[in-house]
Amino acid sequence: MKSTGDRRPDKLEPPLPGQQETGSLAAEKETVPVIVKYGRMTFNRQYIIADRRVIDRPRPALWFAHNDQRQIYLSELHTESGRPGRR
């Protein structure tokens, strides 16, 4: 795995908010990664390994918001313009 602007598997980085990874990826002893379910688009569920050392652009602010119990998620339709309501 190569290093990118945000991913450095060989360096010590603080873990993402709510995650526990420590040390470099080469020294990792855990054999089962933490898998997190997320929604990329409406009804499109994906899974991601929740480890800053393997995510290319981890966006710590989004992980921080995701771990907040008050976080609300919503989606909207972008393929059609809004329809007028009934009176």
PDB file of N, CA and C in Angstrom:
ATOM      1  N   MET A   1       0.850  -1.164   0.000  1.00  0.00           N
ATOM      2  CA  MET A   1       0.000   0.000   0.000  1.00  0.00           C
ATOM      3  C   MET A   1       0.901   1.234   0.000  1.00  0.00           C
ATOM      4  N   LYS A   2       0.679   2.106  -0.946  1.00  0.00           N
ATOM      5  CA  LYS A   2       1.536   3.277  -1.052  1.00  0.00           C
ATOM      6  C   LYS A   2       0.972   4.457  -0.258  1.00  0.00           C
ATOM      7  N   SER A   3       1.842   5.367   0.080  1.00  0.00           N
ATOM      8  CA  SER A   3       1.432   6.583   0.778  1.00  0.00           C
ATOM      9  C   SER A   3       0.829   7.558  -0.225  1.00  0.00           C
ATOM     10  N   THR A   4      -0.162   8.306   0.227  1.00  0.00           N
ATOM     11  CA  THR A   4      -0.773   9.357  -0.576  1.00  0.00           C
ATOM     12  C   THR A   4      -0.755  10.625   0.266  1.00  0.00           C
ATOM     13  N   GLY A   5      -1.433  11.668  -0.200  1.00  0.00           N
ATOM     14  CA  GLY A   5      -1.470  12.918   0.547  1.00  0.00           C
ATOM     15  C   GLY A   5      -2.044  12.760   1.950  1.00  0.00           C
ATOM     16  N   ASP A   6      -3.025  11.868   2.129  1.00  0.00           N
ATOM     17  CA  ASP A   6      -3.673  11.683   3.428  1.00  0.00           C
ATOM     18  C   ASP A   6      -3.404  10.330   4.068  1.00  0.00           C
ATOM     19  N   ARG A   7      -2.937   9.371   3.301  1.00  0.00           N
ATOM     20  CA  ARG A   7      -2.720   8.020   3.841  1.00  0.00           C
ATOM     21  C   ARG A   7      -1.229   7.765   3.939  1.00  0.00           C
ATOM     22  N   ARG A   8      -0.788   7.430   5.149  1.00  0.00           N
ATOM     23  CA  ARG A   8       0.614   7.100   5.392  1.00  0.00           C
ATOM     24  C   ARG A   8       0.663   5.839   6.262  1.00  0.00           C
ATOM     25  N   PRO A   9       0.613   4.658   5.636  1.00  0.00           N
ATOM     26  CA  PRO A   9       0.568   3.421   6.424  1.00  0.00           C
ATOM     27  C   PRO A   9       1.807   3.177   7.272  1.00  0.00           C
ATOM     28  N   ASP A  10       2.931   3.825   6.940  1.00  0.00           N
ATOM     29  CA  ASP A  10       4.180   3.584   7.663  1.00  0.00           C
ATOM     30  C   ASP A  10       4.414   4.581   8.793  1.00  0.00           C
ATOM     31  N   LYS A  11       3.547   5.582   8.963  1.00  0.00           N
ATOM     32  CA  LYS A  11       3.751   6.605   9.987  1.00  0.00           C
ATOM     33  C   LYS A  11       2.692   6.526  11.072  1.00  0.00           C
ATOM     34  N   LEU A  12       3.036   7.070  12.223  1.00  0.00           N
ATOM     35  CA  LEU A  12       2.080   7.129  13.323  1.00  0.00           C
ATOM     36  C   LEU A  12       1.203   8.359  13.150  1.00  0.00           C
ATOM     37  N   GLU A  13      -0.093   8.141  13.061  1.00  0.00           N
ATOM     38  CA  GLU A  13      -1.075   9.206  12.914  1.00  0.00           C
ATOM     39  C   GLU A  13      -2.104   9.036  14.022  1.00  0.00           C
ATOM     40  N   PRO A  14      -2.727  10.111  14.463  1.00  0.00           N
ATOM     41  CA  PRO A  14      -3.801   9.938  15.442  1.00  0.00           C
ATOM     42  C   PRO A  14      -4.960   9.182  14.797  1.00  0.00           C
ATOM     43  N   PRO A  15      -5.647   8.320  15.536  1.00  0.00           N
ATOM     44  CA  PRO A  15      -6.758   7.569  14.944  1.00  0.00           C
ATOM     45  C   PRO A  15      -7.924   8.488  14.594  1.00  0.00           C
ATOM     46  N   LEU A  16      -8.797   7.990  13.739  1.00  0.00           N
ATOM     47  CA  LEU A  16     -10.010   8.722  13.421  1.00  0.00           C
ATOM     48  C   LEU A  16     -10.878   8.824  14.667  1.00  0.00           C
ATOM     49  N   PRO A  17     -11.696   9.874  14.794  1.00  0.00           N
ATOM     50  CA  PRO A  17     -12.573   9.986  15.961  1.00  0.00           C
ATOM     51  C   PRO A  17     -13.436   8.726  16.122  1.00  0.00           C
ATOM     52  N   GLY A  18     -13.429   8.166  17.307  1.00  0.00           N
ATOM     53  CA  GLY A  18     -14.205   6.964  17.597  1.00  0.00           C
ATOM     54  C   GLY A  18     -13.504   5.664  17.271  1.00  0.00           C
ATOM     55  N   GLN A  19     -12.284   5.707  16.760  1.00  0.00           N
ATOM     56  CA  GLN A  19     -11.555   4.499  16.389  1.00  0.00           C
ATOM     57  C   GLN A  19     -10.356   4.320  17.306  1.00  0.00           C
ATOM     58  N   GLN A  20      -9.741   3.118  17.272  1.00  0.00           N
ATOM     59  CA  GLN A  20      -8.713   2.788  18.250  1.00  0.00           C
ATOM     60  C   GLN A  20      -7.347   2.433  17.681  1.00  0.00           C
ATOM     61  N   GLU A  21      -7.132   2.487  16.364  1.00  0.00           N
ATOM     62  CA  GLU A  21      -5.867   1.991  15.825  1.00  0.00           C
ATOM     63  C   GLU A  21      -4.670   2.721  16.436  1.00  0.00           C
ATOM     64  N   THR A  22      -3.617   1.977  16.644  1.00  0.00           N
ATOM     65  CA  THR A  22      -2.386   2.551  17.194  1.00  0.00           C
ATOM     66  C   THR A  22      -1.204   1.939  16.465  1.00  0.00           C
ATOM     67  N   GLY A  23      -0.159   2.693  16.315  1.00  0.00           N
ATOM     68  CA  GLY A  23       1.050   2.181  15.680  1.00  0.00           C
ATOM     69  C   GLY A  23       0.955   2.151  14.170  1.00  0.00           C
ATOM     70  N   SER A  24       2.012   1.664  13.559  1.00  0.00           N
ATOM     71  CA  SER A  24       2.035   1.583  12.106  1.00  0.00           C
ATOM     72  C   SER A  24       1.272   0.354  11.630  1.00  0.00           C
ATOM     73  N   LEU A  25       0.895   0.353  10.382  1.00  0.00           N
ATOM     74  CA  LEU A  25       0.157  -0.773   9.816  1.00  0.00           C
ATOM     75  C   LEU A  25       1.023  -2.032   9.787  1.00  0.00           C
ATOM     76  N   ALA A  26       2.325  -1.873   9.565  1.00  0.00           N
ATOM     77  CA  ALA A  26       3.235  -3.027   9.524  1.00  0.00           C
ATOM     78  C   ALA A  26       3.315  -3.736  10.875  1.00  0.00           C
ATOM     79  N   ALA A  27       3.122  -3.010  11.970  1.00  0.00           N
ATOM     80  CA  ALA A  27       3.204  -3.596  13.304  1.00  0.00           C
ATOM     81  C   ALA A  27       1.842  -4.067  13.824  1.00  0.00           C
ATOM     82  N   GLU A  28       0.796  -3.964  13.029  1.00  0.00           N
ATOM     83  CA  GLU A  28      -0.560  -4.323  13.454  1.00  0.00           C
ATOM     84  C   GLU A  28      -0.646  -5.802  13.807  1.00  0.00           C
ATOM     85  N   LYS A  29      -1.253  -6.120  14.943  1.00  0.00           N
ATOM     86  CA  LYS A  29      -1.424  -7.508  15.388  1.00  0.00           C
ATOM     87  C   LYS A  29      -2.861  -7.997  15.217  1.00  0.00           C
ATOM     88  N   GLU A  30      -3.815  -7.066  15.142  1.00  0.00           N
ATOM     89  CA  GLU A  30      -5.229  -7.434  14.998  1.00  0.00           C
ATOM     90  C   GLU A  30      -5.462  -8.018  13.605  1.00  0.00           C
ATOM     91  N   THR A  31      -6.183  -9.139  13.535  1.00  0.00           N
ATOM     92  CA  THR A  31      -6.420  -9.786  12.245  1.00  0.00           C
ATOM     93  C   THR A  31      -7.786  -9.452  11.656  1.00  0.00           C
ATOM     94  N   VAL A  32      -8.685  -8.878  12.467  1.00  0.00           N
ATOM     95  CA  VAL A  32     -10.024  -8.535  11.986  1.00  0.00           C
ATOM     96  C   VAL A  32     -10.175  -7.016  12.004  1.00  0.00           C
ATOM     97  N   PRO A  33     -10.346  -6.391  10.840  1.00  0.00           N
ATOM     98  CA  PRO A  33     -10.484  -4.937  10.813  1.00  0.00           C
ATOM     99  C   PRO A  33     -11.859  -4.492  11.293  1.00  0.00           C
ATOM    100  N   VAL A  34     -11.957  -3.239  11.707  1.00  0.00           N
ATOM    101  CA  VAL A  34     -13.240  -2.658  12.085  1.00  0.00           C
ATOM    102  C   VAL A  34     -13.939  -2.229  10.794  1.00  0.00           C
ATOM    103  N   ILE A  35     -15.101  -2.812  10.532  1.00  0.00           N
ATOM    104  CA  ILE A  35     -15.869  -2.512   9.326  1.00  0.00           C
ATOM    105  C   ILE A  35     -17.060  -1.642   9.730  1.00  0.00           C
ATOM    106  N   VAL A  36     -17.254  -0.529   9.012  1.00  0.00           N
ATOM    107  CA  VAL A  36     -18.342   0.404   9.306  1.00  0.00           C
ATOM    108  C   VAL A  36     -19.250   0.498   8.091  1.00  0.00           C
ATOM    109  N   LYS A  37     -20.548   0.395   8.323  1.00  0.00           N
ATOM    110  CA  LYS A  37     -21.534   0.538   7.254  1.00  0.00           C
ATOM    111  C   LYS A  37     -21.830   2.019   7.073  1.00  0.00           C
ATOM    112  N   TYR A  38     -21.925   2.451   5.831  1.00  0.00           N
ATOM    113  CA  TYR A  38     -22.278   3.848   5.564  1.00  0.00           C
ATOM    114  C   TYR A  38     -23.109   3.922   4.291  1.00  0.00           C
ATOM    115  N   GLY A  39     -23.799   5.023   4.113  1.00  0.00           N
ATOM    116  CA  GLY A  39     -24.607   5.229   2.921  1.00  0.00           C
ATOM    117  C   GLY A  39     -23.932   6.215   2.002  1.00  0.00           C
ATOM    118  N   ARG A  40     -23.577   5.769   0.823  1.00  0.00           N
ATOM    119  CA  ARG A  40     -22.953   6.667  -0.147  1.00  0.00           C
ATOM    120  C   ARG A  40     -24.006   7.520  -0.833  1.00  0.00           C
ATOM    121  N   MET A  41     -25.122   6.905  -1.190  1.00  0.00           N
ATOM    122  CA  MET A  41     -26.269   7.600  -1.768  1.00  0.00           C
ATOM    123  C   MET A  41     -27.519   6.959  -1.168  1.00  0.00           C
ATOM    124  N   THR A  42     -28.671   7.511  -1.441  1.00  0.00           N
ATOM    125  CA  THR A  42     -29.911   6.934  -0.934  1.00  0.00           C
ATOM    126  C   THR A  42     -30.032   5.479  -1.384  1.00  0.00           C
ATOM    127  N   PHE A  43     -30.295   4.583  -0.458  1.00  0.00           N
ATOM    128  CA  PHE A  43     -30.465   3.146  -0.690  1.00  0.00           C
ATOM    129  C   PHE A  43     -29.209   2.457  -1.219  1.00  0.00           C
ATOM    130  N   ASN A  44     -28.080   3.096  -1.171  1.00  0.00           N
ATOM    131  CA  ASN A  44     -26.826   2.503  -1.620  1.00  0.00           C
ATOM    132  C   ASN A  44     -25.924   2.374  -0.400  1.00  0.00           C
ATOM    133  N   ARG A  45     -25.922   1.227   0.227  1.00  0.00           N
ATOM    134  CA  ARG A  45     -25.131   1.004   1.428  1.00  0.00           C
ATOM    135  C   ARG A  45     -23.788   0.401   1.057  1.00  0.00           C
ATOM    136  N   GLN A  46     -22.745   0.927   1.658  1.00  0.00           N
ATOM    137  CA  GLN A  46     -21.390   0.472   1.418  1.00  0.00           C
ATOM    138  C   GLN A  46     -20.748   0.137   2.765  1.00  0.00           C
ATOM    139  N   TYR A  47     -19.577  -0.464   2.723  1.00  0.00           N
ATOM    140  CA  TYR A  47     -18.818  -0.776   3.926  1.00  0.00           C
ATOM    141  C   TYR A  47     -17.397  -0.257   3.743  1.00  0.00           C
ATOM    142  N   ILE A  48     -16.803   0.182   4.843  1.00  0.00           N
ATOM    143  CA  ILE A  48     -15.453   0.731   4.779  1.00  0.00           C
ATOM    144  C   ILE A  48     -14.652   0.218   5.978  1.00  0.00           C
ATOM    145  N   ILE A  49     -13.368  -0.015   5.759  1.00  0.00           N
ATOM    146  CA  ILE A  49     -12.479  -0.351   6.866  1.00  0.00           C
ATOM    147  C   ILE A  49     -12.182   0.950   7.598  1.00  0.00           C
ATOM    148  N   ALA A  50     -12.587   1.034   8.839  1.00  0.00           N
ATOM    149  CA  ALA A  50     -12.472   2.277   9.621  1.00  0.00           C
ATOM    150  C   ALA A  50     -11.083   2.405  10.234  1.00  0.00           C
ATOM    151  N   ASP A  51     -10.114   2.659   9.370  1.00  0.00           N
ATOM    152  CA  ASP A  51      -8.732   2.775   9.809  1.00  0.00           C
ATOM    153  C   ASP A  51      -8.053   3.851   8.978  1.00  0.00           C
ATOM    154  N   ARG A  52      -7.619   4.903   9.615  1.00  0.00           N
ATOM    155  CA  ARG A  52      -6.996   6.033   8.929  1.00  0.00           C
ATOM    156  C   ARG A  52      -5.792   5.613   8.091  1.00  0.00           C
ATOM    157  N   ARG A  53      -5.131   4.533   8.491  1.00  0.00           N
ATOM    158  CA  ARG A  53      -3.924   4.097   7.801  1.00  0.00           C
ATOM    159  C   ARG A  53      -4.212   3.508   6.427  1.00  0.00           C
ATOM    160  N   VAL A  54      -5.460   3.134   6.146  1.00  0.00           N
ATOM    161  CA  VAL A  54      -5.792   2.533   4.845  1.00  0.00           C
ATOM    162  C   VAL A  54      -6.765   3.378   4.018  1.00  0.00           C
ATOM    163  N   ILE A  55      -7.367   4.397   4.592  1.00  0.00           N
ATOM    164  CA  ILE A  55      -8.303   5.262   3.862  1.00  0.00           C
ATOM    165  C   ILE A  55      -7.519   6.384   3.190  1.00  0.00           C
ATOM    166  N   ASP A  56      -7.789   6.610   1.912  1.00  0.00           N
ATOM    167  CA  ASP A  56      -7.042   7.635   1.180  1.00  0.00           C
ATOM    168  C   ASP A  56      -7.395   9.048   1.635  1.00  0.00           C
ATOM    169  N   ARG A  57      -8.656   9.366   1.810  1.00  0.00           N
ATOM    170  CA  ARG A  57      -9.074  10.704   2.259  1.00  0.00           C
ATOM    171  C   ARG A  57     -10.051  10.518   3.419  1.00  0.00           C
ATOM    172  N   PRO A  58      -9.566  10.379   4.634  1.00  0.00           N
ATOM    173  CA  PRO A  58     -10.431   9.976   5.755  1.00  0.00           C
ATOM    174  C   PRO A  58     -11.415  11.027   6.273  1.00  0.00           C
ATOM    175  N   ARG A  59     -11.180  12.310   6.073  1.00  0.00           N
ATOM    176  CA  ARG A  59     -12.069  13.378   6.533  1.00  0.00           C
ATOM    177  C   ARG A  59     -12.421  13.242   8.022  1.00  0.00           C
ATOM    178  N   PRO A  60     -11.472  13.505   8.915  1.00  0.00           N
ATOM    179  CA  PRO A  60     -11.718  13.364  10.355  1.00  0.00           C
ATOM    180  C   PRO A  60     -12.942  14.123  10.854  1.00  0.00           C
ATOM    181  N   ALA A  61     -13.259  15.276  10.278  1.00  0.00           N
ATOM    182  CA  ALA A  61     -14.447  16.023  10.725  1.00  0.00           C
ATOM    183  C   ALA A  61     -15.722  15.232  10.486  1.00  0.00           C
ATOM    184  N   LEU A  62     -15.794  14.478   9.385  1.00  0.00           N
ATOM    185  CA  LEU A  62     -16.981  13.660   9.128  1.00  0.00           C
ATOM    186  C   LEU A  62     -17.065  12.490  10.089  1.00  0.00           C
ATOM    187  N   TRP A  63     -15.919  11.892  10.435  1.00  0.00           N
ATOM    188  CA  TRP A  63     -15.922  10.802  11.412  1.00  0.00           C
ATOM    189  C   TRP A  63     -16.343  11.324  12.787  1.00  0.00           C
ATOM    190  N   PHE A  64     -15.909  12.527  13.105  1.00  0.00           N
ATOM    191  CA  PHE A  64     -16.304  13.144  14.371  1.00  0.00           C
ATOM    192  C   PHE A  64     -17.818  13.326  14.415  1.00  0.00           C
ATOM    193  N   ALA A  65     -18.410  13.841  13.342  1.00  0.00           N
ATOM    194  CA  ALA A  65     -19.859  14.038  13.281  1.00  0.00           C
ATOM    195  C   ALA A  65     -20.590  12.705  13.308  1.00  0.00           C
ATOM    196  N   HIS A  66     -20.042  11.689  12.661  1.00  0.00           N
ATOM    197  CA  HIS A  66     -20.670  10.368  12.623  1.00  0.00           C
ATOM    198  C   HIS A  66     -20.773   9.760  14.028  1.00  0.00           C
ATOM    199  N   ASN A  67     -19.814  10.055  14.871  1.00  0.00           N
ATOM    200  CA  ASN A  67     -19.809   9.499  16.227  1.00  0.00           C
ATOM    201  C   ASN A  67     -20.648  10.300  17.209  1.00  0.00           C
ATOM    202  N   ASP A  68     -21.241  11.382  16.774  1.00  0.00           N
ATOM    203  CA  ASP A  68     -22.095  12.206  17.626  1.00  0.00           C
ATOM    204  C   ASP A  68     -23.493  11.593  17.665  1.00  0.00           C
ATOM    205  N   GLN A  69     -24.008  11.325  18.849  1.00  0.00           N
ATOM    206  CA  GLN A  69     -25.328  10.705  18.996  1.00  0.00           C
ATOM    207  C   GLN A  69     -26.456  11.587  18.466  1.00  0.00           C
ATOM    208  N   ARG A  70     -26.199  12.882  18.315  1.00  0.00           N
ATOM    209  CA  ARG A  70     -27.223  13.798  17.820  1.00  0.00           C
ATOM    210  C   ARG A  70     -27.200  13.943  16.303  1.00  0.00           C
ATOM    211  N   GLN A  71     -26.292  13.244  15.621  1.00  0.00           N
ATOM    212  CA  GLN A  71     -26.168  13.361  14.167  1.00  0.00           C
ATOM    213  C   GLN A  71     -27.425  12.852  13.476  1.00  0.00           C
ATOM    214  N   ILE A  72     -27.925  13.611  12.513  1.00  0.00           N
ATOM    215  CA  ILE A  72     -29.087  13.227  11.717  1.00  0.00           C
ATOM    216  C   ILE A  72     -28.644  13.166  10.263  1.00  0.00           C
ATOM    217  N   TYR A  73     -29.061  12.102   9.562  1.00  0.00           N
ATOM    218  CA  TYR A  73     -28.733  11.956   8.152  1.00  0.00           C
ATOM    219  C   TYR A  73     -30.013  12.108   7.340  1.00  0.00           C
ATOM    220  N   LEU A  74     -29.903  12.738   6.198  1.00  0.00           N
ATOM    221  CA  LEU A  74     -31.050  12.851   5.303  1.00  0.00           C
ATOM    222  C   LEU A  74     -30.569  12.827   3.874  1.00  0.00           C
ATOM    223  N   SER A  75     -31.479  12.593   2.962  1.00  0.00           N
ATOM    224  CA  SER A  75     -31.145  12.612   1.543  1.00  0.00           C
ATOM    225  C   SER A  75     -32.253  13.330   0.794  1.00  0.00           C
ATOM    226  N   GLU A  76     -31.932  13.764  -0.413  1.00  0.00           N
ATOM    227  CA  GLU A  76     -32.923  14.452  -1.233  1.00  0.00           C
ATOM    228  C   GLU A  76     -32.741  14.036  -2.681  1.00  0.00           C
ATOM    229  N   LEU A  77     -33.767  14.228  -3.473  1.00  0.00           N
ATOM    230  CA  LEU A  77     -33.760  13.850  -4.866  1.00  0.00           C
ATOM    231  C   LEU A  77     -33.237  15.001  -5.709  1.00  0.00           C
ATOM    232  N   HIS A  78     -32.217  14.747  -6.522  1.00  0.00           N
ATOM    233  CA  HIS A  78     -31.638  15.798  -7.357  1.00  0.00           C
ATOM    234  C   HIS A  78     -31.988  15.652  -8.839  1.00  0.00           C
ATOM    235  N   THR A  79     -32.674  14.575  -9.225  1.00  0.00           N
ATOM    236  CA  THR A  79     -32.958  14.354 -10.640  1.00  0.00           C
ATOM    237  C   THR A  79     -34.201  15.080 -11.117  1.00  0.00           C
ATOM    238  N   GLU A  80     -35.029  15.586 -10.205  1.00  0.00           N
ATOM    239  CA  GLU A  80     -36.239  16.301 -10.575  1.00  0.00           C
ATOM    240  C   GLU A  80     -36.290  17.616  -9.798  1.00  0.00           C
ATOM    241  N   SER A  81     -36.948  18.583 -10.397  1.00  0.00           N
ATOM    242  CA  SER A  81     -37.131  19.834  -9.650  1.00  0.00           C
ATOM    243  C   SER A  81     -38.264  19.639  -8.642  1.00  0.00           C
ATOM    244  N   GLY A  82     -38.324  20.521  -7.671  1.00  0.00           N
ATOM    245  CA  GLY A  82     -39.374  20.413  -6.663  1.00  0.00           C
ATOM    246  C   GLY A  82     -40.775  20.587  -7.267  1.00  0.00           C
ATOM    247  N   ARG A  83     -41.726  19.890  -6.715  1.00  0.00           N
ATOM    248  CA  ARG A  83     -43.118  19.988  -7.190  1.00  0.00           C
ATOM    249  C   ARG A  83     -43.882  20.925  -6.277  1.00  0.00           C
ATOM    250  N   PRO A  84     -44.786  21.693  -6.843  1.00  0.00           N
ATOM    251  CA  PRO A  84     -45.582  22.578  -5.989  1.00  0.00           C
ATOM    252  C   PRO A  84     -46.494  21.758  -5.065  1.00  0.00           C
ATOM    253  N   GLY A  85     -46.674  22.228  -3.867  1.00  0.00           N
ATOM    254  CA  GLY A  85     -47.551  21.539  -2.931  1.00  0.00           C
ATOM    255  C   GLY A  85     -49.011  21.803  -3.227  1.00  0.00           C
ATOM    256  N   ARG A  86     -49.887  20.979  -2.650  1.00  0.00           N
ATOM    257  CA  ARG A  86     -51.332  21.175  -2.834  1.00  0.00           C
ATOM    258  C   ARG A  86     -51.817  22.236  -1.876  1.00  0.00           C
ATOM    259  N   ARG A  87     -52.810  22.956  -2.309  1.00  0.00           N
ATOM    260  CA  ARG A  87     -53.367  24.005  -1.457  1.00  0.00           C
ATOM    261  C   ARG A  87     -54.681  23.604  -0.877  1.00  0.00           C
TER     262      ARG A  87
END
